[in-house]
N, C-alpha and C. Protein backbone atom coordinates (compact mmCIF):
# COMPACT_ATOMS: atom_id res chain seq x y z
N MET A 1 120.98 98.72 109.47
CA MET A 1 119.80 99.26 108.82
C MET A 1 119.25 98.24 107.86
N ALA A 2 117.95 98.19 107.76
CA ALA A 2 117.27 97.33 106.81
C ALA A 2 116.38 98.22 105.95
N ALA A 3 116.07 97.70 104.80
CA ALA A 3 115.18 98.44 103.90
C ALA A 3 114.22 97.45 103.26
N THR A 4 113.06 97.93 102.91
CA THR A 4 112.08 97.09 102.24
C THR A 4 111.53 97.82 101.04
N ARG A 5 111.09 97.04 100.08
CA ARG A 5 110.33 97.60 98.96
C ARG A 5 109.44 96.49 98.43
N THR A 6 108.32 96.90 97.89
CA THR A 6 107.38 95.94 97.33
C THR A 6 107.69 95.72 95.86
N GLY A 7 107.25 94.59 95.37
CA GLY A 7 107.49 94.28 93.97
C GLY A 7 106.98 92.90 93.62
N TYR A 8 107.65 92.29 92.68
CA TYR A 8 107.20 91.01 92.11
C TYR A 8 108.39 90.06 92.05
N ALA A 9 108.14 88.79 92.40
CA ALA A 9 109.23 87.80 92.43
C ALA A 9 108.69 86.43 92.03
N GLY A 10 109.64 85.57 91.69
CA GLY A 10 109.31 84.16 91.50
C GLY A 10 108.74 83.79 90.16
N GLY A 11 108.67 84.69 89.22
CA GLY A 11 108.07 84.38 87.94
C GLY A 11 109.04 84.46 86.78
N SER A 12 108.51 84.25 85.60
CA SER A 12 109.36 84.20 84.40
C SER A 12 109.20 85.42 83.49
N LEU A 13 108.20 86.25 83.75
CA LEU A 13 107.93 87.42 82.91
C LEU A 13 108.98 88.51 83.15
N SER A 14 109.44 89.16 82.09
CA SER A 14 110.35 90.29 82.23
C SER A 14 109.56 91.55 82.53
N ASP A 15 110.03 92.30 83.51
CA ASP A 15 109.49 93.60 83.86
C ASP A 15 107.98 93.57 84.14
N PRO A 16 107.54 92.73 85.10
CA PRO A 16 106.11 92.70 85.42
C PRO A 16 105.68 94.00 86.09
N ASP A 17 104.39 94.26 86.07
CA ASP A 17 103.84 95.38 86.81
C ASP A 17 102.49 94.96 87.37
N TYR A 18 101.83 95.87 88.06
CA TYR A 18 100.59 95.54 88.77
C TYR A 18 99.53 94.95 87.84
N HIS A 19 99.45 95.43 86.62
CA HIS A 19 98.43 94.96 85.69
C HIS A 19 98.91 93.83 84.80
N ARG A 20 100.19 93.55 84.81
CA ARG A 20 100.77 92.49 83.98
C ARG A 20 101.78 91.74 84.85
N ILE A 21 101.24 90.86 85.70
CA ILE A 21 102.08 90.21 86.70
C ILE A 21 102.52 88.81 86.27
N GLY A 22 101.82 88.22 85.32
CA GLY A 22 102.20 86.89 84.85
C GLY A 22 102.20 85.87 85.96
N ASP A 23 103.27 85.08 86.07
CA ASP A 23 103.33 84.04 87.10
C ASP A 23 104.12 84.48 88.33
N HIS A 24 104.35 85.77 88.47
CA HIS A 24 105.03 86.30 89.65
C HIS A 24 104.05 86.37 90.82
N VAL A 25 104.61 86.55 92.03
CA VAL A 25 103.81 86.85 93.21
C VAL A 25 104.18 88.25 93.66
N GLU A 26 103.22 88.91 94.31
CA GLU A 26 103.53 90.19 94.93
C GLU A 26 104.43 89.88 96.11
N ALA A 27 105.53 90.62 96.23
CA ALA A 27 106.54 90.28 97.23
C ALA A 27 107.08 91.54 97.91
N VAL A 28 107.71 91.30 99.05
CA VAL A 28 108.44 92.35 99.76
C VAL A 28 109.89 91.93 99.79
N GLU A 29 110.76 92.78 99.26
CA GLU A 29 112.18 92.54 99.32
C GLU A 29 112.71 93.19 100.60
N VAL A 30 113.45 92.41 101.38
CA VAL A 30 114.05 92.92 102.61
C VAL A 30 115.56 92.90 102.44
N THR A 31 116.17 94.06 102.48
CA THR A 31 117.62 94.17 102.46
C THR A 31 118.04 94.40 103.90
N PHE A 32 118.93 93.55 104.42
CA PHE A 32 119.26 93.63 105.83
C PHE A 32 120.73 93.38 106.08
N ASP A 33 121.17 93.83 107.24
CA ASP A 33 122.54 93.63 107.69
C ASP A 33 122.53 92.44 108.65
N PRO A 34 123.10 91.29 108.26
CA PRO A 34 123.04 90.11 109.13
C PRO A 34 123.79 90.28 110.45
N ARG A 35 124.57 91.34 110.60
CA ARG A 35 125.20 91.61 111.90
C ARG A 35 124.20 92.22 112.87
N ARG A 36 123.10 92.76 112.33
CA ARG A 36 122.08 93.40 113.18
C ARG A 36 120.84 92.56 113.36
N ILE A 37 120.48 91.79 112.33
CA ILE A 37 119.32 90.90 112.40
C ILE A 37 119.63 89.69 111.53
N SER A 38 119.32 88.54 112.04
CA SER A 38 119.64 87.32 111.30
C SER A 38 118.50 86.95 110.35
N TYR A 39 118.84 86.14 109.39
CA TYR A 39 117.82 85.62 108.47
C TYR A 39 116.78 84.83 109.25
N GLU A 40 117.22 84.09 110.27
CA GLU A 40 116.29 83.31 111.09
C GLU A 40 115.30 84.22 111.82
N GLU A 41 115.78 85.39 112.28
CA GLU A 41 114.87 86.34 112.92
C GLU A 41 113.85 86.89 111.92
N LEU A 42 114.30 87.14 110.70
CA LEU A 42 113.37 87.59 109.66
C LEU A 42 112.34 86.50 109.34
N LEU A 43 112.78 85.25 109.33
CA LEU A 43 111.84 84.15 109.11
C LEU A 43 110.79 84.11 110.22
N ALA A 44 111.20 84.33 111.45
CA ALA A 44 110.26 84.34 112.57
C ALA A 44 109.22 85.45 112.38
N VAL A 45 109.67 86.62 111.91
CA VAL A 45 108.73 87.72 111.64
C VAL A 45 107.75 87.30 110.54
N PHE A 46 108.27 86.68 109.48
CA PHE A 46 107.40 86.22 108.40
C PHE A 46 106.31 85.29 108.93
N TRP A 47 106.72 84.26 109.67
CA TRP A 47 105.75 83.28 110.15
C TRP A 47 104.77 83.88 111.14
N SER A 48 105.19 84.86 111.93
CA SER A 48 104.28 85.47 112.88
C SER A 48 103.31 86.43 112.20
N SER A 49 103.59 86.78 110.96
CA SER A 49 102.76 87.76 110.23
C SER A 49 101.86 87.12 109.17
N HIS A 50 101.96 85.81 109.00
CA HIS A 50 101.20 85.15 107.94
C HIS A 50 100.50 83.91 108.50
N PRO A 51 99.25 83.72 108.17
CA PRO A 51 98.57 82.49 108.59
C PRO A 51 99.14 81.31 107.82
N SER A 52 99.85 80.44 108.51
CA SER A 52 100.58 79.36 107.83
C SER A 52 99.67 78.33 107.19
N GLY A 53 98.47 78.15 107.72
CA GLY A 53 97.58 77.12 107.19
C GLY A 53 96.58 77.62 106.16
N LEU A 54 96.72 78.87 105.75
CA LEU A 54 95.79 79.44 104.77
C LEU A 54 96.02 78.79 103.41
N ALA A 55 94.97 78.18 102.88
CA ALA A 55 95.09 77.53 101.57
C ALA A 55 95.45 78.57 100.51
N PRO A 56 96.23 78.15 99.54
CA PRO A 56 96.67 79.12 98.52
C PRO A 56 95.52 79.66 97.70
N GLY A 57 95.63 80.92 97.38
CA GLY A 57 94.65 81.57 96.51
C GLY A 57 95.30 81.81 95.16
N PRO A 58 94.96 82.92 94.53
CA PRO A 58 95.58 83.25 93.24
C PRO A 58 97.10 83.37 93.38
N THR A 59 97.82 83.04 92.34
CA THR A 59 99.28 83.07 92.35
C THR A 59 99.82 84.41 92.83
N ARG A 60 99.25 85.51 92.39
CA ARG A 60 99.81 86.82 92.70
C ARG A 60 99.85 87.11 94.19
N VAL A 61 99.00 86.47 95.00
CA VAL A 61 98.99 86.73 96.44
C VAL A 61 99.36 85.50 97.26
N ALA A 62 99.95 84.50 96.64
CA ALA A 62 100.42 83.34 97.39
C ALA A 62 101.54 83.77 98.33
N THR A 63 101.65 83.08 99.47
CA THR A 63 102.73 83.42 100.39
C THR A 63 103.93 82.52 100.15
N GLY A 64 105.09 83.07 100.40
CA GLY A 64 106.30 82.28 100.22
C GLY A 64 107.52 82.99 100.76
N ILE A 65 108.56 82.22 100.88
CA ILE A 65 109.86 82.73 101.30
C ILE A 65 110.82 82.49 100.16
N PHE A 66 111.48 83.54 99.74
CA PHE A 66 112.47 83.42 98.69
C PHE A 66 113.85 83.51 99.33
N TYR A 67 114.72 82.62 98.96
CA TYR A 67 116.04 82.55 99.58
C TYR A 67 117.14 82.83 98.57
N ARG A 68 118.28 83.22 99.12
CA ARG A 68 119.50 83.42 98.33
C ARG A 68 120.57 82.52 98.93
N GLY A 69 120.89 81.48 98.24
CA GLY A 69 121.97 80.59 98.66
C GLY A 69 121.51 79.42 99.51
N PRO A 70 122.37 78.41 99.62
CA PRO A 70 122.02 77.17 100.32
C PRO A 70 121.77 77.35 101.82
N GLU A 71 122.48 78.25 102.48
CA GLU A 71 122.25 78.45 103.92
C GLU A 71 120.85 79.00 104.18
N GLN A 72 120.45 80.00 103.40
CA GLN A 72 119.11 80.55 103.56
C GLN A 72 118.06 79.50 103.21
N ARG A 73 118.34 78.70 102.20
CA ARG A 73 117.38 77.65 101.82
C ARG A 73 117.17 76.69 102.98
N ARG A 74 118.26 76.21 103.57
CA ARG A 74 118.14 75.28 104.71
C ARG A 74 117.37 75.92 105.86
N ALA A 75 117.69 77.18 106.16
CA ALA A 75 117.01 77.86 107.26
C ALA A 75 115.52 78.03 106.97
N ALA A 76 115.18 78.41 105.74
CA ALA A 76 113.77 78.61 105.37
C ALA A 76 112.99 77.30 105.43
N GLU A 77 113.58 76.23 104.89
CA GLU A 77 112.90 74.93 104.92
C GLU A 77 112.74 74.42 106.34
N ALA A 78 113.76 74.61 107.18
CA ALA A 78 113.68 74.17 108.57
C ALA A 78 112.60 74.96 109.31
N SER A 79 112.51 76.26 109.05
CA SER A 79 111.48 77.07 109.72
C SER A 79 110.09 76.63 109.27
N ARG A 80 109.94 76.30 108.02
CA ARG A 80 108.65 75.83 107.50
C ARG A 80 108.25 74.52 108.18
N ARG A 81 109.21 73.61 108.34
CA ARG A 81 108.93 72.33 109.02
C ARG A 81 108.55 72.57 110.49
N ARG A 82 109.24 73.49 111.17
CA ARG A 82 108.92 73.79 112.57
C ARG A 82 107.50 74.34 112.70
N VAL A 83 107.12 75.22 111.79
CA VAL A 83 105.77 75.78 111.83
C VAL A 83 104.74 74.68 111.61
N ALA A 84 104.98 73.81 110.65
CA ALA A 84 104.05 72.71 110.39
C ALA A 84 103.93 71.81 111.61
N ALA A 85 105.05 71.49 112.24
CA ALA A 85 105.02 70.63 113.43
C ALA A 85 104.31 71.32 114.59
N ALA A 86 104.55 72.60 114.76
CA ALA A 86 103.95 73.33 115.87
C ALA A 86 102.44 73.51 115.71
N THR A 87 101.99 73.71 114.48
CA THR A 87 100.56 73.95 114.25
C THR A 87 99.79 72.68 113.95
N GLY A 88 100.49 71.65 113.49
CA GLY A 88 99.81 70.41 113.09
C GLY A 88 98.99 70.59 111.82
N GLU A 89 99.25 71.64 111.08
CA GLU A 89 98.51 71.95 109.85
C GLU A 89 99.44 71.89 108.65
N ALA A 90 98.83 71.76 107.49
CA ALA A 90 99.60 71.88 106.26
C ALA A 90 100.05 73.34 106.13
N VAL A 91 101.26 73.54 105.66
CA VAL A 91 101.79 74.89 105.45
C VAL A 91 101.89 75.09 103.94
N TYR A 92 101.17 76.06 103.44
CA TYR A 92 101.11 76.27 102.00
C TYR A 92 102.13 77.28 101.49
N SER A 93 102.75 78.03 102.38
CA SER A 93 103.76 78.99 101.94
C SER A 93 104.92 78.24 101.32
N ARG A 94 105.30 78.64 100.13
CA ARG A 94 106.38 77.93 99.44
C ARG A 94 107.73 78.50 99.82
N VAL A 95 108.76 77.70 99.62
CA VAL A 95 110.15 78.12 99.78
C VAL A 95 110.78 77.95 98.41
N ALA A 96 111.31 79.04 97.85
CA ALA A 96 111.81 79.00 96.47
C ALA A 96 113.01 79.93 96.32
N PRO A 97 113.85 79.69 95.30
CA PRO A 97 114.98 80.59 95.07
C PRO A 97 114.49 81.99 94.72
N ALA A 98 115.23 82.99 95.18
CA ALA A 98 114.81 84.38 95.00
C ALA A 98 114.73 84.78 93.53
N GLY A 99 115.70 84.44 92.75
CA GLY A 99 115.68 84.90 91.37
C GLY A 99 115.67 86.42 91.32
N ARG A 100 115.20 86.95 90.24
CA ARG A 100 115.18 88.41 90.07
C ARG A 100 113.97 89.02 90.77
N PHE A 101 114.20 90.13 91.42
CA PHE A 101 113.13 90.91 92.05
C PHE A 101 112.87 92.13 91.18
N TRP A 102 111.62 92.35 90.89
CA TRP A 102 111.21 93.51 90.09
C TRP A 102 110.47 94.48 91.01
N PRO A 103 111.00 95.68 91.25
CA PRO A 103 110.30 96.63 92.13
C PRO A 103 108.94 97.02 91.55
N ALA A 104 107.98 97.18 92.45
CA ALA A 104 106.66 97.67 92.04
C ALA A 104 106.76 99.15 91.70
N GLU A 105 105.75 99.62 91.07
CA GLU A 105 105.68 101.02 90.68
C GLU A 105 105.79 101.91 91.93
N PRO A 106 106.34 103.11 91.81
CA PRO A 106 106.53 103.98 92.98
C PRO A 106 105.27 104.18 93.81
N ARG A 107 104.12 104.26 93.19
CA ARG A 107 102.89 104.51 93.95
C ARG A 107 102.55 103.37 94.89
N HIS A 108 103.15 102.20 94.69
CA HIS A 108 102.88 101.04 95.55
C HIS A 108 103.87 100.92 96.70
N GLN A 109 104.91 101.73 96.73
CA GLN A 109 105.91 101.66 97.80
C GLN A 109 105.37 102.37 99.05
N LYS A 110 105.32 101.66 100.16
CA LYS A 110 104.82 102.19 101.45
C LYS A 110 103.45 102.82 101.24
N PHE A 111 102.58 102.09 100.56
CA PHE A 111 101.28 102.61 100.14
C PHE A 111 100.45 103.13 101.31
N THR A 112 100.35 102.36 102.39
CA THR A 112 99.52 102.78 103.52
C THR A 112 100.05 104.06 104.14
N LEU A 113 101.34 104.12 104.36
CA LEU A 113 101.95 105.32 104.94
C LEU A 113 101.72 106.53 104.04
N ARG A 114 101.92 106.35 102.74
CA ARG A 114 101.73 107.46 101.80
C ARG A 114 100.28 107.92 101.76
N ARG A 115 99.34 106.98 101.87
CA ARG A 115 97.91 107.31 101.80
C ARG A 115 97.44 107.99 103.09
N ILE A 116 97.86 107.45 104.23
CA ILE A 116 97.36 107.94 105.51
C ILE A 116 98.12 109.17 106.00
N ALA A 117 99.41 109.23 105.74
CA ALA A 117 100.21 110.32 106.30
C ALA A 117 101.05 111.03 105.23
N PRO A 118 100.41 111.58 104.19
CA PRO A 118 101.19 112.21 103.12
C PRO A 118 102.03 113.39 103.59
N ARG A 119 101.55 114.12 104.57
CA ARG A 119 102.31 115.27 105.08
C ARG A 119 103.61 114.80 105.74
N LEU A 120 103.51 113.77 106.58
CA LEU A 120 104.70 113.22 107.22
C LEU A 120 105.67 112.71 106.17
N VAL A 121 105.18 112.00 105.17
CA VAL A 121 106.03 111.48 104.10
C VAL A 121 106.74 112.63 103.39
N ALA A 122 106.02 113.68 103.07
CA ALA A 122 106.62 114.83 102.37
C ALA A 122 107.70 115.48 103.24
N GLU A 123 107.41 115.67 104.52
CA GLU A 123 108.38 116.30 105.41
C GLU A 123 109.63 115.44 105.58
N GLU A 124 109.45 114.16 105.81
CA GLU A 124 110.60 113.27 106.01
C GLU A 124 111.39 113.07 104.72
N THR A 125 110.71 113.04 103.59
CA THR A 125 111.40 112.89 102.31
C THR A 125 112.20 114.15 101.98
N ALA A 126 111.69 115.32 102.36
CA ALA A 126 112.45 116.56 102.17
C ALA A 126 113.72 116.53 103.01
N ARG A 127 113.63 115.96 104.19
CA ARG A 127 114.79 115.86 105.10
C ARG A 127 115.75 114.77 104.64
N ASP A 128 115.19 113.66 104.14
CA ASP A 128 115.99 112.51 103.70
C ASP A 128 115.32 111.92 102.46
N PRO A 129 115.86 112.16 101.27
CA PRO A 129 115.23 111.64 100.04
C PRO A 129 115.07 110.12 100.03
N GLY A 130 115.82 109.40 100.83
CA GLY A 130 115.70 107.94 100.90
C GLY A 130 114.72 107.46 101.95
N PHE A 131 113.93 108.37 102.52
CA PHE A 131 113.02 108.01 103.61
C PHE A 131 112.12 106.84 103.29
N LEU A 132 111.48 106.82 102.11
CA LEU A 132 110.53 105.75 101.81
C LEU A 132 111.18 104.37 101.74
N GLY A 133 112.49 104.32 101.58
CA GLY A 133 113.19 103.04 101.60
C GLY A 133 113.76 102.69 102.95
N SER A 134 113.51 103.51 103.96
CA SER A 134 114.12 103.33 105.27
C SER A 134 113.37 102.33 106.14
N THR A 135 114.07 101.87 107.16
CA THR A 135 113.45 101.01 108.16
C THR A 135 112.33 101.75 108.87
N ALA A 136 112.54 103.03 109.17
CA ALA A 136 111.51 103.82 109.86
C ALA A 136 110.23 103.84 109.04
N ALA A 137 110.33 104.07 107.74
CA ALA A 137 109.13 104.09 106.89
C ALA A 137 108.46 102.72 106.87
N ALA A 138 109.26 101.65 106.81
CA ALA A 138 108.68 100.30 106.83
C ALA A 138 107.95 100.05 108.15
N ARG A 139 108.57 100.46 109.26
CA ARG A 139 107.92 100.27 110.57
C ARG A 139 106.61 101.06 110.65
N LEU A 140 106.63 102.31 110.18
CA LEU A 140 105.42 103.12 110.24
C LEU A 140 104.33 102.57 109.33
N ASN A 141 104.71 102.12 108.14
CA ASN A 141 103.74 101.53 107.22
C ASN A 141 103.08 100.32 107.89
N GLY A 142 103.88 99.46 108.51
CA GLY A 142 103.33 98.30 109.22
C GLY A 142 102.50 98.71 110.42
N TRP A 143 102.98 99.68 111.20
CA TRP A 143 102.27 100.14 112.39
C TRP A 143 100.88 100.66 112.01
N LEU A 144 100.79 101.40 110.93
CA LEU A 144 99.50 101.92 110.48
C LEU A 144 98.56 100.81 110.04
N GLN A 145 99.12 99.64 109.71
CA GLN A 145 98.30 98.49 109.33
C GLN A 145 98.02 97.57 110.52
N GLY A 146 98.50 97.97 111.71
CA GLY A 146 98.24 97.20 112.91
C GLY A 146 99.32 96.20 113.28
N PHE A 147 100.51 96.33 112.71
CA PHE A 147 101.60 95.41 113.01
C PHE A 147 102.68 96.10 113.83
N GLY A 148 103.32 95.35 114.69
CA GLY A 148 104.48 95.84 115.41
C GLY A 148 104.21 96.53 116.72
N GLY A 149 102.99 97.00 116.93
CA GLY A 149 102.62 97.63 118.19
C GLY A 149 103.48 98.83 118.55
N GLU A 150 103.49 99.10 119.85
CA GLU A 150 104.21 100.27 120.35
C GLU A 150 105.72 100.17 120.14
N ALA A 151 106.23 98.94 120.10
CA ALA A 151 107.67 98.76 119.86
C ALA A 151 108.06 99.28 118.48
N ALA A 152 107.21 99.04 117.47
CA ALA A 152 107.51 99.53 116.12
C ALA A 152 107.47 101.05 116.08
N LEU A 153 106.48 101.64 116.75
CA LEU A 153 106.38 103.10 116.78
C LEU A 153 107.59 103.69 117.50
N ALA A 154 107.98 103.09 118.62
CA ALA A 154 109.13 103.59 119.38
C ALA A 154 110.42 103.47 118.56
N ALA A 155 110.60 102.36 117.87
CA ALA A 155 111.80 102.19 117.04
C ALA A 155 111.83 103.20 115.91
N ALA A 156 110.69 103.43 115.26
CA ALA A 156 110.64 104.43 114.18
C ALA A 156 110.94 105.82 114.73
N ALA A 157 110.42 106.12 115.91
CA ALA A 157 110.68 107.42 116.52
C ALA A 157 112.17 107.62 116.78
N ARG A 158 112.83 106.57 117.30
CA ARG A 158 114.28 106.67 117.53
C ARG A 158 115.02 106.94 116.23
N GLU A 159 114.64 106.21 115.18
CA GLU A 159 115.30 106.38 113.89
C GLU A 159 115.09 107.77 113.32
N LEU A 160 113.95 108.36 113.61
CA LEU A 160 113.63 109.70 113.10
C LEU A 160 113.99 110.79 114.10
N GLU A 161 114.64 110.38 115.19
CA GLU A 161 115.12 111.31 116.22
C GLU A 161 114.00 112.18 116.78
N THR A 162 112.92 111.50 117.18
CA THR A 162 111.79 112.17 117.81
C THR A 162 111.25 111.25 118.89
N THR A 163 110.15 111.62 119.49
CA THR A 163 109.54 110.76 120.50
C THR A 163 108.36 110.01 119.89
N PRO A 164 107.99 108.88 120.49
CA PRO A 164 106.81 108.18 119.98
C PRO A 164 105.56 109.06 120.03
N ALA A 165 105.41 109.84 121.09
CA ALA A 165 104.23 110.71 121.20
C ALA A 165 104.20 111.74 120.07
N GLU A 166 105.34 112.35 119.78
CA GLU A 166 105.39 113.33 118.69
C GLU A 166 105.12 112.66 117.35
N LEU A 167 105.68 111.50 117.15
CA LEU A 167 105.46 110.79 115.89
C LEU A 167 104.00 110.39 115.75
N GLU A 168 103.41 109.90 116.81
CA GLU A 168 101.99 109.54 116.76
C GLU A 168 101.12 110.76 116.47
N ARG A 169 101.49 111.91 117.05
CA ARG A 169 100.76 113.16 116.77
C ARG A 169 100.84 113.49 115.28
N ARG A 170 102.03 113.30 114.71
CA ARG A 170 102.20 113.60 113.29
C ARG A 170 101.42 112.64 112.40
N LEU A 171 101.10 111.48 112.94
CA LEU A 171 100.33 110.48 112.18
C LEU A 171 98.82 110.61 112.40
N ASP A 172 98.40 111.47 113.33
CA ASP A 172 96.99 111.61 113.69
C ASP A 172 96.39 112.81 112.97
N PRO A 173 95.41 112.59 112.10
CA PRO A 173 94.84 113.72 111.33
C PRO A 173 94.06 114.70 112.19
N GLU A 174 93.69 114.29 113.40
CA GLU A 174 92.93 115.18 114.28
C GLU A 174 93.82 116.19 115.01
N GLN A 175 95.14 115.97 114.99
CA GLN A 175 96.06 116.85 115.70
C GLN A 175 96.63 117.91 114.75
N PRO A 176 96.93 119.10 115.27
CA PRO A 176 97.59 120.11 114.41
C PRO A 176 98.89 119.56 113.86
N GLY A 177 99.07 119.68 112.58
CA GLY A 177 100.27 119.18 111.94
C GLY A 177 100.24 117.68 111.66
N GLY A 178 99.12 117.04 112.00
CA GLY A 178 99.01 115.60 111.75
C GLY A 178 98.75 115.31 110.29
N ARG A 179 99.04 114.12 109.92
CA ARG A 179 98.88 113.58 108.56
C ARG A 179 98.81 114.68 107.54
């Protein structure tokens, strides 16, 4: 099982928040079981989800990979070099030590899923109070934003012990019992 949460990383300010971010960047923390998915696989997901040649903007939305330990550092730097070689472009995403991660405010966790499908969130949270921190919630949040395709929906359905069709119905506001 993996879990994600949004927050702030890479800065020096204590206890940053959305309105007081300082030199932190908005980040996603991924907690994962390396027996089920490798750090290298997570790096591949990162690079496939971010335009590598996009020039940096404001610090709070800069892209980067934060690592824990020398093995992750080597893997992250090697993946960055491979992307640069493959694209022939400058890669602006930084590779930096993880340091402390500060979780974002609760209203920012799985924001798209909570906004689009509040009924589903309420039902699943009643069944499992840890739902918003689950892999299924992360997959659905991404799926609603156009990431992961049918594979993400199918994986979330398996995790929630339902079918993709039933889950999609629950996410569709036009269907009875949807959103």
